[in-house]
């Protein structure tokens, strides 16, 4: 459920906050959402769209995120399912796929995401 997803992720940022962090117009953030570079969920408490904070890397969108999100979407994952997968501990990694992406291990994570489709 969405409340559990929000708890799993922990730190979220709103679209206006992302606009400020990335120094981009809000319309550009909406473009990042519509082209799949970012995904957002509605906060069940406030109904405000939010993005997991780790999807940003300093003042940029995490570089390896978009391709990984495309692979997950192609595997039939909803936005929420993709976020849950990225934030769920995987003993074989070890750790969470989102942390591996931040560490620059995108090939391994995308390979795992592709395997989910089979």
PDB file of N, CA and C in Angstrom:
ATOM      1  N   UNK A   1       0.838  -1.205   0.000  1.00  0.00           N
ATOM      2  CA  UNK A   1       0.000   0.000   0.000  1.00  0.00           C
ATOM      3  C   UNK A   1       0.871   1.253   0.000  1.00  0.00           C
ATOM      4  N   UNK A   2       0.301   2.326  -0.445  1.00  0.00           N
ATOM      5  CA  UNK A   2       1.075   3.554  -0.686  1.00  0.00           C
ATOM      6  C   UNK A   2       1.711   4.113   0.590  1.00  0.00           C
ATOM      7  N   UNK A   3       1.014   4.018   1.720  1.00  0.00           N
ATOM      8  CA  UNK A   3       1.578   4.512   2.985  1.00  0.00           C
ATOM      9  C   UNK A   3       2.835   3.721   3.344  1.00  0.00           C
ATOM     10  N   UNK A   4       2.821   2.412   3.082  1.00  0.00           N
ATOM     11  CA  UNK A   4       4.003   1.587   3.349  1.00  0.00           C
ATOM     12  C   UNK A   4       5.150   1.976   2.431  1.00  0.00           C
ATOM     13  N   UNK A   5       4.823   2.296   1.197  1.00  0.00           N
ATOM     14  CA  UNK A   5       5.855   2.726   0.245  1.00  0.00           C
ATOM     15  C   UNK A   5       6.488   4.031   0.723  1.00  0.00           C
ATOM     16  N   UNK A   6       5.658   4.961   1.181  1.00  0.00           N
ATOM     17  CA  UNK A   6       6.194   6.230   1.683  1.00  0.00           C
ATOM     18  C   UNK A   6       7.090   6.000   2.891  1.00  0.00           C
ATOM     19  N   UNK A   7       6.701   5.057   3.762  1.00  0.00           N
ATOM     20  CA  UNK A   7       7.515   4.741   4.938  1.00  0.00           C
ATOM     21  C   UNK A   7       8.817   4.056   4.515  1.00  0.00           C
ATOM     22  N   UNK A   8       8.750   3.148   3.543  1.00  0.00           N
ATOM     23  CA  UNK A   8       9.931   2.427   3.061  1.00  0.00           C
ATOM     24  C   UNK A   8      10.981   3.404   2.531  1.00  0.00           C
ATOM     25  N   UNK A   9      10.537   4.371   1.719  1.00  0.00           N
ATOM     26  CA  UNK A   9      11.460   5.326   1.104  1.00  0.00           C
ATOM     27  C   UNK A   9      12.007   6.297   2.147  1.00  0.00           C
ATOM     28  N   UNK A  10      11.116   6.793   3.007  1.00  0.00           N
ATOM     29  CA  UNK A  10      11.554   7.711   4.051  1.00  0.00           C
ATOM     30  C   UNK A  10      11.606   9.150   3.592  1.00  0.00           C
ATOM     31  N   UNK A  11      12.642   9.511   2.850  1.00  0.00           N
ATOM     32  CA  UNK A  11      12.826  10.923   2.472  1.00  0.00           C
ATOM     33  C   UNK A  11      12.313  11.179   1.054  1.00  0.00           C
ATOM     34  N   UNK A  12      11.388  12.131   0.952  1.00  0.00           N
ATOM     35  CA  UNK A  12      10.765  12.502  -0.313  1.00  0.00           C
ATOM     36  C   UNK A  12      10.946  13.989  -0.556  1.00  0.00           C
ATOM     37  N   UNK A  13      10.884  14.402  -1.814  1.00  0.00           N
ATOM     38  CA  UNK A  13      10.932  15.825  -2.154  1.00  0.00           C
ATOM     39  C   UNK A  13       9.760  16.153  -3.076  1.00  0.00           C
ATOM     40  N   UNK A  14       9.247  17.358  -2.926  1.00  0.00           N
ATOM     41  CA  UNK A  14       8.123  17.803  -3.760  1.00  0.00           C
ATOM     42  C   UNK A  14       8.660  18.357  -5.079  1.00  0.00           C
ATOM     43  N   UNK A  15       7.774  18.535  -6.020  1.00  0.00           N
ATOM     44  CA  UNK A  15       8.174  19.065  -7.328  1.00  0.00           C
ATOM     45  C   UNK A  15       8.753  20.489  -7.200  1.00  0.00           C
ATOM     46  N   UNK A  16       8.135  21.388  -6.401  1.00  0.00           N
ATOM     47  CA  UNK A  16       8.766  22.706  -6.222  1.00  0.00           C
ATOM     48  C   UNK A  16      10.163  22.611  -5.587  1.00  0.00           C
ATOM     49  N   UNK A  17      10.353  21.664  -4.654  1.00  0.00           N
ATOM     50  CA  UNK A  17      11.676  21.492  -4.044  1.00  0.00           C
ATOM     51  C   UNK A  17      12.688  21.012  -5.081  1.00  0.00           C
ATOM     52  N   UNK A  18      12.268  20.095  -5.940  1.00  0.00           N
ATOM     53  CA  UNK A  18      13.164  19.597  -6.990  1.00  0.00           C
ATOM     54  C   UNK A  18      13.527  20.738  -7.936  1.00  0.00           C
ATOM     55  N   UNK A  19      12.542  21.550  -8.273  1.00  0.00           N
ATOM     56  CA  UNK A  19      12.766  22.704  -9.137  1.00  0.00           C
ATOM     57  C   UNK A  19      13.860  23.603  -8.555  1.00  0.00           C
ATOM     58  N   UNK A  20      13.790  23.810  -7.245  1.00  0.00           N
ATOM     59  CA  UNK A  20      14.779  24.652  -6.561  1.00  0.00           C
ATOM     60  C   UNK A  20      16.152  23.967  -6.529  1.00  0.00           C
ATOM     61  N   UNK A  21      16.183  22.683  -6.165  1.00  0.00           N
ATOM     62  CA  UNK A  21      17.441  21.942  -6.061  1.00  0.00           C
ATOM     63  C   UNK A  21      18.156  21.890  -7.417  1.00  0.00           C
ATOM     64  N   UNK A  22      17.401  21.612  -8.471  1.00  0.00           N
ATOM     65  CA  UNK A  22      17.999  21.460  -9.802  1.00  0.00           C
ATOM     66  C   UNK A  22      18.116  22.787 -10.547  1.00  0.00           C
ATOM     67  N   UNK A  23      17.551  23.850  -9.959  1.00  0.00           N
ATOM     68  CA  UNK A  23      17.535  25.173 -10.580  1.00  0.00           C
ATOM     69  C   UNK A  23      16.900  25.109 -11.971  1.00  0.00           C
ATOM     70  N   UNK A  24      15.735  24.459 -12.014  1.00  0.00           N
ATOM     71  CA  UNK A  24      14.980  24.339 -13.267  1.00  0.00           C
ATOM     72  C   UNK A  24      13.559  24.825 -13.028  1.00  0.00           C
ATOM     73  N   UNK A  25      12.923  25.285 -14.100  1.00  0.00           N
ATOM     74  CA  UNK A  25      11.523  25.690 -14.004  1.00  0.00           C
ATOM     75  C   UNK A  25      10.662  24.464 -13.689  1.00  0.00           C
ATOM     76  N   UNK A  26       9.546  24.697 -13.011  1.00  0.00           N
ATOM     77  CA  UNK A  26       8.625  23.605 -12.656  1.00  0.00           C
ATOM     78  C   UNK A  26       8.175  22.855 -13.909  1.00  0.00           C
ATOM     79  N   UNK A  27       7.975  23.562 -15.008  1.00  0.00           N
ATOM     80  CA  UNK A  27       7.542  22.886 -16.240  1.00  0.00           C
ATOM     81  C   UNK A  27       8.595  21.872 -16.692  1.00  0.00           C
ATOM     82  N   UNK A  28       9.862  22.175 -16.476  1.00  0.00           N
ATOM     83  CA  UNK A  28      10.945  21.246 -16.842  1.00  0.00           C
ATOM     84  C   UNK A  28      10.889  20.002 -15.947  1.00  0.00           C
ATOM     85  N   UNK A  29      10.540  20.178 -14.681  1.00  0.00           N
ATOM     86  CA  UNK A  29      10.411  19.035 -13.773  1.00  0.00           C
ATOM     87  C   UNK A  29       9.251  18.149 -14.242  1.00  0.00           C
ATOM     88  N   UNK A  30       8.152  18.781 -14.665  1.00  0.00           N
ATOM     89  CA  UNK A  30       7.022  18.014 -15.202  1.00  0.00           C
ATOM     90  C   UNK A  30       7.448  17.228 -16.445  1.00  0.00           C
ATOM     91  N   UNK A  31       8.322  17.825 -17.268  1.00  0.00           N
ATOM     92  CA  UNK A  31       8.848  17.122 -18.445  1.00  0.00           C
ATOM     93  C   UNK A  31       9.671  15.897 -18.027  1.00  0.00           C
ATOM     94  N   UNK A  32      10.494  16.052 -16.972  1.00  0.00           N
ATOM     95  CA  UNK A  32      11.294  14.928 -16.474  1.00  0.00           C
ATOM     96  C   UNK A  32      10.381  13.797 -15.996  1.00  0.00           C
ATOM     97  N   UNK A  33       9.250  14.172 -15.408  1.00  0.00           N
ATOM     98  CA  UNK A  33       8.281  13.170 -14.953  1.00  0.00           C
ATOM     99  C   UNK A  33       7.599  12.503 -16.146  1.00  0.00           C
ATOM    100  N   UNK A  34       7.211  13.291 -17.142  1.00  0.00           N
ATOM    101  CA  UNK A  34       6.487  12.699 -18.269  1.00  0.00           C
ATOM    102  C   UNK A  34       7.411  11.894 -19.187  1.00  0.00           C
ATOM    103  N   UNK A  35       8.705  12.231 -19.252  1.00  0.00           N
ATOM    104  CA  UNK A  35       9.601  11.442 -20.118  1.00  0.00           C
ATOM    105  C   UNK A  35      10.212  10.240 -19.393  1.00  0.00           C
ATOM    106  N   UNK A  36       9.845  10.061 -18.106  1.00  0.00           N
ATOM    107  CA  UNK A  36      10.307   8.890 -17.376  1.00  0.00           C
ATOM    108  C   UNK A  36      11.657   9.032 -16.709  1.00  0.00           C
ATOM    109  N   UNK A  37      12.239  10.237 -16.726  1.00  0.00           N
ATOM    110  CA  UNK A  37      13.515  10.448 -16.036  1.00  0.00           C
ATOM    111  C   UNK A  37      13.323  10.400 -14.525  1.00  0.00           C
ATOM    112  N   UNK A  38      12.142  10.787 -14.086  1.00  0.00           N
ATOM    113  CA  UNK A  38      11.757  10.747 -12.671  1.00  0.00           C
ATOM    114  C   UNK A  38      10.370  10.133 -12.575  1.00  0.00           C
ATOM    115  N   UNK A  39      10.066   9.565 -11.416  1.00  0.00           N
ATOM    116  CA  UNK A  39       8.695   9.149 -11.140  1.00  0.00           C
ATOM    117  C   UNK A  39       8.285   9.705  -9.786  1.00  0.00           C
ATOM    118  N   UNK A  40       6.998   9.991  -9.668  1.00  0.00           N
ATOM    119  CA  UNK A  40       6.458  10.582  -8.441  1.00  0.00           C
ATOM    120  C   UNK A  40       5.222   9.796  -8.018  1.00  0.00           C
ATOM    121  N   UNK A  41       4.972   9.836  -6.729  1.00  0.00           N
ATOM    122  CA  UNK A  41       3.747   9.247  -6.178  1.00  0.00           C
ATOM    123  C   UNK A  41       3.046  10.323  -5.370  1.00  0.00           C
ATOM    124  N   UNK A  42       1.731  10.188  -5.244  1.00  0.00           N
ATOM    125  CA  UNK A  42       0.975  11.126  -4.412  1.00  0.00           C
ATOM    126  C   UNK A  42       1.068  10.715  -2.954  1.00  0.00           C
ATOM    127  N   UNK A  43       1.479  11.655  -2.115  1.00  0.00           N
ATOM    128  CA  UNK A  43       1.543  11.429  -0.674  1.00  0.00           C
ATOM    129  C   UNK A  43       0.120  11.174  -0.186  1.00  0.00           C
ATOM    130  N   UNK A  44      -0.131  10.032   0.467  1.00  0.00           N
ATOM    131  CA  UNK A  44      -1.494   9.717   0.897  1.00  0.00           C
ATOM    132  C   UNK A  44      -2.041  10.716   1.926  1.00  0.00           C
ATOM    133  N   UNK A  45      -1.165  11.409   2.633  1.00  0.00           N
ATOM    134  CA  UNK A  45      -1.620  12.358   3.650  1.00  0.00           C
ATOM    135  C   UNK A  45      -1.935  13.728   3.075  1.00  0.00           C
ATOM    136  N   UNK A  46      -1.149  14.167   2.096  1.00  0.00           N
ATOM    137  CA  UNK A  46      -1.296  15.541   1.589  1.00  0.00           C
ATOM    138  C   UNK A  46      -1.805  15.602   0.148  1.00  0.00           C
ATOM    139  N   UNK A  47      -1.795  14.472  -0.544  1.00  0.00           N
ATOM    140  CA  UNK A  47      -2.174  14.386  -1.950  1.00  0.00           C
ATOM    141  C   UNK A  47      -1.218  15.161  -2.866  1.00  0.00           C
ATOM    142  N   UNK A  48      -0.020  15.482  -2.359  1.00  0.00           N
ATOM    143  CA  UNK A  48       1.004  16.194  -3.127  1.00  0.00           C
ATOM    144  C   UNK A  48       1.917  15.162  -3.786  1.00  0.00           C
ATOM    145  N   UNK A  49       2.234  15.381  -5.065  1.00  0.00           N
ATOM    146  CA  UNK A  49       3.163  14.473  -5.748  1.00  0.00           C
ATOM    147  C   UNK A  49       4.573  14.675  -5.218  1.00  0.00           C
ATOM    148  N   UNK A  50       5.221  13.554  -4.908  1.00  0.00           N
ATOM    149  CA  UNK A  50       6.585  13.598  -4.371  1.00  0.00           C
ATOM    150  C   UNK A  50       7.447  12.553  -5.055  1.00  0.00           C
ATOM    151  N   UNK A  51       8.747  12.840  -5.043  1.00  0.00           N
ATOM    152  CA  UNK A  51       9.755  11.985  -5.665  1.00  0.00           C
ATOM    153  C   UNK A  51      10.720  11.529  -4.564  1.00  0.00           C
ATOM    154  N   UNK A  52      11.139  10.258  -4.576  1.00  0.00           N
ATOM    155  CA  UNK A  52      12.141   9.827  -3.594  1.00  0.00           C
ATOM    156  C   UNK A  52      13.401  10.700  -3.680  1.00  0.00           C
ATOM    157  N   UNK A  53      13.879  11.155  -2.518  1.00  0.00           N
ATOM    158  CA  UNK A  53      15.018  12.081  -2.485  1.00  0.00           C
ATOM    159  C   UNK A  53      16.276  11.485  -3.117  1.00  0.00           C
ATOM    160  N   UNK A  54      16.472  10.166  -2.993  1.00  0.00           N
ATOM    161  CA  UNK A  54      17.683   9.551  -3.545  1.00  0.00           C
ATOM    162  C   UNK A  54      17.692   9.515  -5.071  1.00  0.00           C
ATOM    163  N   UNK A  55      16.565   9.891  -5.707  1.00  0.00           N
ATOM    164  CA  UNK A  55      16.538   9.980  -7.166  1.00  0.00           C
ATOM    165  C   UNK A  55      17.331  11.195  -7.638  1.00  0.00           C
ATOM    166  N   UNK A  56      17.700  12.063  -6.694  1.00  0.00           N
ATOM    167  CA  UNK A  56      18.538  13.212  -7.021  1.00  0.00           C
ATOM    168  C   UNK A  56      19.937  12.939  -6.497  1.00  0.00           C
ATOM    169  N   UNK A  57      20.916  13.433  -7.221  1.00  0.00           N
ATOM    170  CA  UNK A  57      22.312  13.283  -6.826  1.00  0.00           C
ATOM    171  C   UNK A  57      22.900  14.679  -6.811  1.00  0.00           C
ATOM    172  N   UNK A  58      22.931  15.280  -5.633  1.00  0.00           N
ATOM    173  CA  UNK A  58      23.355  16.672  -5.546  1.00  0.00           C
ATOM    174  C   UNK A  58      22.339  17.533  -6.269  1.00  0.00           C
ATOM    175  N   UNK A  59      22.804  18.321  -7.237  1.00  0.00           N
ATOM    176  CA  UNK A  59      21.887  19.207  -7.971  1.00  0.00           C
ATOM    177  C   UNK A  59      21.541  18.639  -9.345  1.00  0.00           C
ATOM    178  N   UNK A  60      21.517  17.304  -9.455  1.00  0.00           N
ATOM    179  CA  UNK A  60      21.170  16.651 -10.715  1.00  0.00           C
ATOM    180  C   UNK A  60      20.286  15.437 -10.437  1.00  0.00           C
ATOM    181  N   UNK A  61      19.598  14.990 -11.490  1.00  0.00           N
ATOM    182  CA  UNK A  61      18.862  13.731 -11.390  1.00  0.00           C
ATOM    183  C   UNK A  61      19.899  12.615 -11.451  1.00  0.00           C
ATOM    184  N   UNK A  62      19.729  11.598 -10.636  1.00  0.00           N
ATOM    185  CA  UNK A  62      20.635  10.448 -10.641  1.00  0.00           C
ATOM    186  C   UNK A  62      20.749   9.927 -12.074  1.00  0.00           C
ATOM    187  N   UNK A  63      21.964   9.936 -12.594  1.00  0.00           N
ATOM    188  CA  UNK A  63      22.207   9.691 -14.015  1.00  0.00           C
ATOM    189  C   UNK A  63      21.687   8.338 -14.501  1.00  0.00           C
ATOM    190  N   UNK A  64      21.875   7.304 -13.710  1.00  0.00           N
ATOM    191  CA  UNK A  64      21.517   5.952 -14.141  1.00  0.00           C
ATOM    192  C   UNK A  64      20.042   5.626 -13.913  1.00  0.00           C
ATOM    193  N   UNK A  65      19.279   6.589 -13.392  1.00  0.00           N
ATOM    194  CA  UNK A  65      17.901   6.308 -13.007  1.00  0.00           C
ATOM    195  C   UNK A  65      16.980   6.068 -14.196  1.00  0.00           C
ATOM    196  N   UNK A  66      17.012   6.954 -15.181  1.00  0.00           N
ATOM    197  CA  UNK A  66      16.028   6.875 -16.265  1.00  0.00           C
ATOM    198  C   UNK A  66      16.048   5.520 -16.972  1.00  0.00           C
ATOM    199  N   UNK A  67      17.223   5.060 -17.372  1.00  0.00           N
ATOM    200  CA  UNK A  67      17.315   3.772 -18.067  1.00  0.00           C
ATOM    201  C   UNK A  67      16.804   2.629 -17.208  1.00  0.00           C
ATOM    202  N   UNK A  68      17.098   2.700 -15.923  1.00  0.00           N
ATOM    203  CA  UNK A  68      16.635   1.660 -14.997  1.00  0.00           C
ATOM    204  C   UNK A  68      15.118   1.697 -14.882  1.00  0.00           C
ATOM    205  N   UNK A  69      14.544   2.905 -14.788  1.00  0.00           N
ATOM    206  CA  UNK A  69      13.086   3.027 -14.721  1.00  0.00           C
ATOM    207  C   UNK A  69      12.429   2.504 -15.988  1.00  0.00           C
ATOM    208  N   UNK A  70      13.061   2.744 -17.147  1.00  0.00           N
ATOM    209  CA  UNK A  70      12.525   2.249 -18.423  1.00  0.00           C
ATOM    210  C   UNK A  70      12.495   0.715 -18.404  1.00  0.00           C
ATOM    211  N   UNK A  71      13.584   0.094 -17.937  1.00  0.00           N
ATOM    212  CA  UNK A  71      13.646  -1.371 -17.880  1.00  0.00           C
ATOM    213  C   UNK A  71      12.554  -1.911 -16.954  1.00  0.00           C
ATOM    214  N   UNK A  72      12.379  -1.275 -15.790  1.00  0.00           N
ATOM    215  CA  UNK A  72      11.351  -1.731 -14.852  1.00  0.00           C
ATOM    216  C   UNK A  72       9.952  -1.576 -15.448  1.00  0.00           C
ATOM    217  N   UNK A  73       9.709  -0.438 -16.111  1.00  0.00           N
ATOM    218  CA  UNK A  73       8.401  -0.208 -16.737  1.00  0.00           C
ATOM    219  C   UNK A  73       8.158  -1.249 -17.834  1.00  0.00           C
ATOM    220  N   UNK A  74       9.202  -1.531 -18.624  1.00  0.00           N
ATOM    221  CA  UNK A  74       9.088  -2.542 -19.674  1.00  0.00           C
ATOM    222  C   UNK A  74       8.816  -3.934 -19.088  1.00  0.00           C
ATOM    223  N   UNK A  75       9.244  -4.147 -17.844  1.00  0.00           N
ATOM    224  CA  UNK A  75       9.001  -5.423 -17.157  1.00  0.00           C
ATOM    225  C   UNK A  75       7.609  -5.465 -16.536  1.00  0.00           C
ATOM    226  N   UNK A  76       6.825  -4.385 -16.722  1.00  0.00           N
ATOM    227  CA  UNK A  76       5.452  -4.370 -16.231  1.00  0.00           C
ATOM    228  C   UNK A  76       5.270  -3.752 -14.864  1.00  0.00           C
ATOM    229  N   UNK A  77       6.304  -3.098 -14.340  1.00  0.00           N
ATOM    230  CA  UNK A  77       6.210  -2.474 -13.025  1.00  0.00           C
ATOM    231  C   UNK A  77       5.453  -1.154 -13.100  1.00  0.00           C
ATOM    232  N   UNK A  78       4.592  -0.914 -12.118  1.00  0.00           N
ATOM    233  CA  UNK A  78       3.979   0.408 -11.961  1.00  0.00           C
ATOM    234  C   UNK A  78       5.032   1.318 -11.329  1.00  0.00           C
ATOM    235  N   UNK A  79       4.755   2.623 -11.280  1.00  0.00           N
ATOM    236  CA  UNK A  79       5.697   3.548 -10.632  1.00  0.00           C
ATOM    237  C   UNK A  79       5.937   3.140  -9.185  1.00  0.00           C
ATOM    238  N   UNK A  80       4.860   2.811  -8.480  1.00  0.00           N
ATOM    239  CA  UNK A  80       5.011   2.433  -7.072  1.00  0.00           C
ATOM    240  C   UNK A  80       5.832   1.147  -6.938  1.00  0.00           C
ATOM    241  N   UNK A  81       5.549   0.155  -7.775  1.00  0.00           N
ATOM    242  CA  UNK A  81       6.302  -1.104  -7.713  1.00  0.00           C
ATOM    243  C   UNK A  81       7.783  -0.881  -8.021  1.00  0.00           C
ATOM    244  N   UNK A  82       8.073   0.014  -8.959  1.00  0.00           N
ATOM    245  CA  UNK A  82       9.466   0.315  -9.300  1.00  0.00           C
ATOM    246  C   UNK A  82      10.184   0.937  -8.106  1.00  0.00           C
ATOM    247  N   UNK A  83       9.515   1.865  -7.429  1.00  0.00           N
ATOM    248  CA  UNK A  83      10.115   2.510  -6.252  1.00  0.00           C
ATOM    249  C   UNK A  83      10.343   1.477  -5.153  1.00  0.00           C
ATOM    250  N   UNK A  84       9.353   0.624  -4.911  1.00  0.00           N
ATOM    251  CA  UNK A  84       9.497  -0.412  -3.877  1.00  0.00           C
ATOM    252  C   UNK A  84      10.678  -1.326  -4.219  1.00  0.00           C
ATOM    253  N   UNK A  85      10.798  -1.742  -5.483  1.00  0.00           N
ATOM    254  CA  UNK A  85      11.910  -2.618  -5.881  1.00  0.00           C
ATOM    255  C   UNK A  85      13.253  -1.918  -5.640  1.00  0.00           C
ATOM    256  N   UNK A  86      13.342  -0.650  -6.040  1.00  0.00           N
ATOM    257  CA  UNK A  86      14.601   0.088  -5.882  1.00  0.00           C
ATOM    258  C   UNK A  86      14.993   0.264  -4.413  1.00  0.00           C
ATOM    259  N   UNK A  87      14.015   0.344  -3.534  1.00  0.00           N
ATOM    260  CA  UNK A  87      14.267   0.618  -2.119  1.00  0.00           C
ATOM    261  C   UNK A  87      14.240  -0.618  -1.221  1.00  0.00           C
ATOM    262  N   UNK A  88      14.051  -1.804  -1.795  1.00  0.00           N
ATOM    263  CA  UNK A  88      13.976  -3.020  -0.977  1.00  0.00           C
ATOM    264  C   UNK A  88      15.338  -3.700  -0.940  1.00  0.00           C
ATOM    265  N   UNK A  89      15.780  -4.039   0.283  1.00  0.00           N
ATOM    266  CA  UNK A  89      17.059  -4.730   0.462  1.00  0.00           C
ATOM    267  C   UNK A  89      17.100  -6.009  -0.347  1.00  0.00           C
ATOM    268  N   UNK A  90      18.249  -6.251  -0.971  1.00  0.00           N
ATOM    269  CA  UNK A  90      18.473  -7.474  -1.724  1.00  0.00           C
ATOM    270  C   UNK A  90      19.761  -8.083  -1.185  1.00  0.00           C
ATOM    271  N   UNK A  91      19.648  -9.222  -0.503  1.00  0.00           N
ATOM    272  CA  UNK A  91      20.817  -9.855   0.124  1.00  0.00           C
ATOM    273  C   UNK A  91      21.903 -10.202  -0.881  1.00  0.00           C
ATOM    274  N   UNK A  92      21.511 -10.456  -2.127  1.00  0.00           N
ATOM    275  CA  UNK A  92      22.509 -10.845  -3.117  1.00  0.00           C
ATOM    276  C   UNK A  92      23.303  -9.646  -3.643  1.00  0.00           C
ATOM    277  N   UNK A  93      22.857  -8.433  -3.354  1.00  0.00           N
ATOM    278  CA  UNK A  93      23.612  -7.263  -3.843  1.00  0.00           C
ATOM    279  C   UNK A  93      24.900  -7.019  -3.056  1.00  0.00           C
ATOM    280  N   UNK A  94      25.002  -6.916  -1.819  1.00  0.00           N
ATOM    281  CA  UNK A  94      23.963  -6.696  -0.804  1.00  0.00           C
ATOM    282  C   UNK A  94      23.523  -5.235  -0.776  1.00  0.00           C
ATOM    283  N   UNK A  95      22.394  -5.003  -0.150  1.00  0.00           N
ATOM    284  CA  UNK A  95      21.866  -3.645  -0.024  1.00  0.00           C
ATOM    285  C   UNK A  95      20.666  -3.436  -0.919  1.00  0.00           C
ATOM    286  N   UNK A  96      20.387  -2.166  -1.192  1.00  0.00           N
ATOM    287  CA  UNK A  96      19.224  -1.811  -2.007  1.00  0.00           C
ATOM    288  C   UNK A  96      19.677  -1.421  -3.411  1.00  0.00           C
ATOM    289  N   UNK A  97      18.877  -1.754  -4.420  1.00  0.00           N
ATOM    290  CA  UNK A  97      19.240  -1.352  -5.783  1.00  0.00           C
ATOM    291  C   UNK A  97      19.494   0.157  -5.915  1.00  0.00           C
ATOM    292  N   UNK A  98      18.734   0.999  -5.221  1.00  0.00           N
ATOM    293  CA  UNK A  98      18.941   2.454  -5.333  1.00  0.00           C
ATOM    294  C   UNK A  98      20.350   2.836  -4.866  1.00  0.00           C
ATOM    295  N   UNK A  99      20.846   2.174  -3.821  1.00  0.00           N
ATOM    296  CA  UNK A  99      22.198   2.477  -3.329  1.00  0.00           C
ATOM    297  C   UNK A  99      23.252   2.011  -4.334  1.00  0.00           C
ATOM    298  N   UNK A 100      23.005   0.860  -4.956  1.00  0.00           N
ATOM    299  CA  UNK A 100      23.940   0.364  -5.981  1.00  0.00           C
ATOM    300  C   UNK A 100      23.981   1.330  -7.165  1.00  0.00           C
ATOM    301  N   UNK A 101      22.819   1.872  -7.555  1.00  0.00           N
ATOM    302  CA  UNK A 101      22.792   2.867  -8.640  1.00  0.00           C
ATOM    303  C   UNK A 101      23.606   4.101  -8.250  1.00  0.00           C
ATOM    304  N   UNK A 102      23.421   4.553  -7.012  1.00  0.00           N
ATOM    305  CA  UNK A 102      24.174   5.737  -6.562  1.00  0.00           C
ATOM    306  C   UNK A 102      25.677   5.454  -6.537  1.00  0.00           C
ATOM    307  N   UNK A 103      26.037   4.175  -6.331  1.00  0.00           N
ATOM    308  CA  UNK A 103      27.454   3.780  -6.319  1.00  0.00           C
ATOM    309  C   UNK A 103      28.000   3.544  -7.725  1.00  0.00           C
ATOM    310  N   UNK A 104      27.151   3.747  -8.750  1.00  0.00           N
ATOM    311  CA  UNK A 104      27.613   3.600 -10.122  1.00  0.00           C
ATOM    312  C   UNK A 104      27.518   2.189 -10.675  1.00  0.00           C
ATOM    313  N   UNK A 105      26.750   1.325 -10.041  1.00  0.00           N
ATOM    314  CA  UNK A 105      26.638  -0.074 -10.491  1.00  0.00           C
ATOM    315  C   UNK A 105      25.373  -0.281 -11.317  1.00  0.00           C
ATOM    316  N   UNK A 106      25.163   0.564 -12.323  1.00  0.00           N
ATOM    317  CA  UNK A 106      23.908   0.519 -13.086  1.00  0.00           C
ATOM    318  C   UNK A 106      23.771  -0.731 -13.945  1.00  0.00           C
ATOM    319  N   UNK A 107      24.873  -1.247 -14.491  1.00  0.00           N
ATOM    320  CA  UNK A 107      24.788  -2.420 -15.367  1.00  0.00           C
ATOM    321  C   UNK A 107      24.214  -3.604 -14.606  1.00  0.00           C
ATOM    322  N   UNK A 108      24.735  -3.839 -13.405  1.00  0.00           N
ATOM    323  CA  UNK A 108      24.268  -4.946 -12.574  1.00  0.00           C
ATOM    324  C   UNK A 108      22.786  -4.781 -12.221  1.00  0.00           C
ATOM    325  N   UNK A 109      22.386  -3.566 -11.872  1.00  0.00           N
ATOM    326  CA  UNK A 109      20.996  -3.312 -11.469  1.00  0.00           C
ATOM    327  C   UNK A 109      20.063  -3.474 -12.666  1.00  0.00           C
ATOM    328  N   UNK A 110      20.465  -2.977 -13.822  1.00  0.00           N
ATOM    329  CA  UNK A 110      19.606  -3.122 -15.009  1.00  0.00           C
ATOM    330  C   UNK A 110      19.489  -4.584 -15.427  1.00  0.00           C
ATOM    331  N   UNK A 111      20.564  -5.331 -15.288  1.00  0.00           N
ATOM    332  CA  UNK A 111      20.518  -6.758 -15.611  1.00  0.00           C
ATOM    333  C   UNK A 111      19.506  -7.453 -14.701  1.00  0.00           C
ATOM    334  N   UNK A 112      19.538  -7.128 -13.422  1.00  0.00           N
ATOM    335  CA  UNK A 112      18.578  -7.711 -12.471  1.00  0.00           C
ATOM    336  C   UNK A 112      17.150  -7.276 -12.812  1.00  0.00           C
ATOM    337  N   UNK A 113      16.986  -6.004 -13.165  1.00  0.00           N
ATOM    338  CA  UNK A 113      15.649  -5.504 -13.502  1.00  0.00           C
ATOM    339  C   UNK A 113      15.113  -6.209 -14.759  1.00  0.00           C
ATOM    340  N   UNK A 114      15.993  -6.444 -15.743  1.00  0.00           N
ATOM    341  CA  UNK A 114      15.569  -7.140 -16.964  1.00  0.00           C
ATOM    342  C   UNK A 114      15.162  -8.575 -16.655  1.00  0.00           C
ATOM    343  N   UNK A 115      15.876  -9.219 -15.718  1.00  0.00           N
ATOM    344  CA  UNK A 115      15.570 -10.600 -15.371  1.00  0.00           C
ATOM    345  C   UNK A 115      14.182 -10.732 -14.755  1.00  0.00           C
ATOM    346  N   UNK A 116      13.663  -9.652 -14.179  1.00  0.00           N
ATOM    347  CA  UNK A 116      12.350  -9.691 -13.548  1.00  0.00           C
ATOM    348  C   UNK A 116      11.227  -9.908 -14.563  1.00  0.00           C
ATOM    349  N   UNK A 117      11.487  -9.577 -15.808  1.00  0.00           N
ATOM    350  CA  UNK A 117      10.456  -9.705 -16.832  1.00  0.00           C
ATOM    351  C   UNK A 117      10.227 -11.155 -17.241  1.00  0.00           C
ATOM    352  N   UNK A 118      11.150 -12.036 -16.886  1.00  0.00           N
ATOM    353  CA  UNK A 118      11.057 -13.446 -17.339  1.00  0.00           C
ATOM    354  C   UNK A 118      10.391 -14.334 -16.321  1.00  0.00           C
TER     355      UNK A 118
END
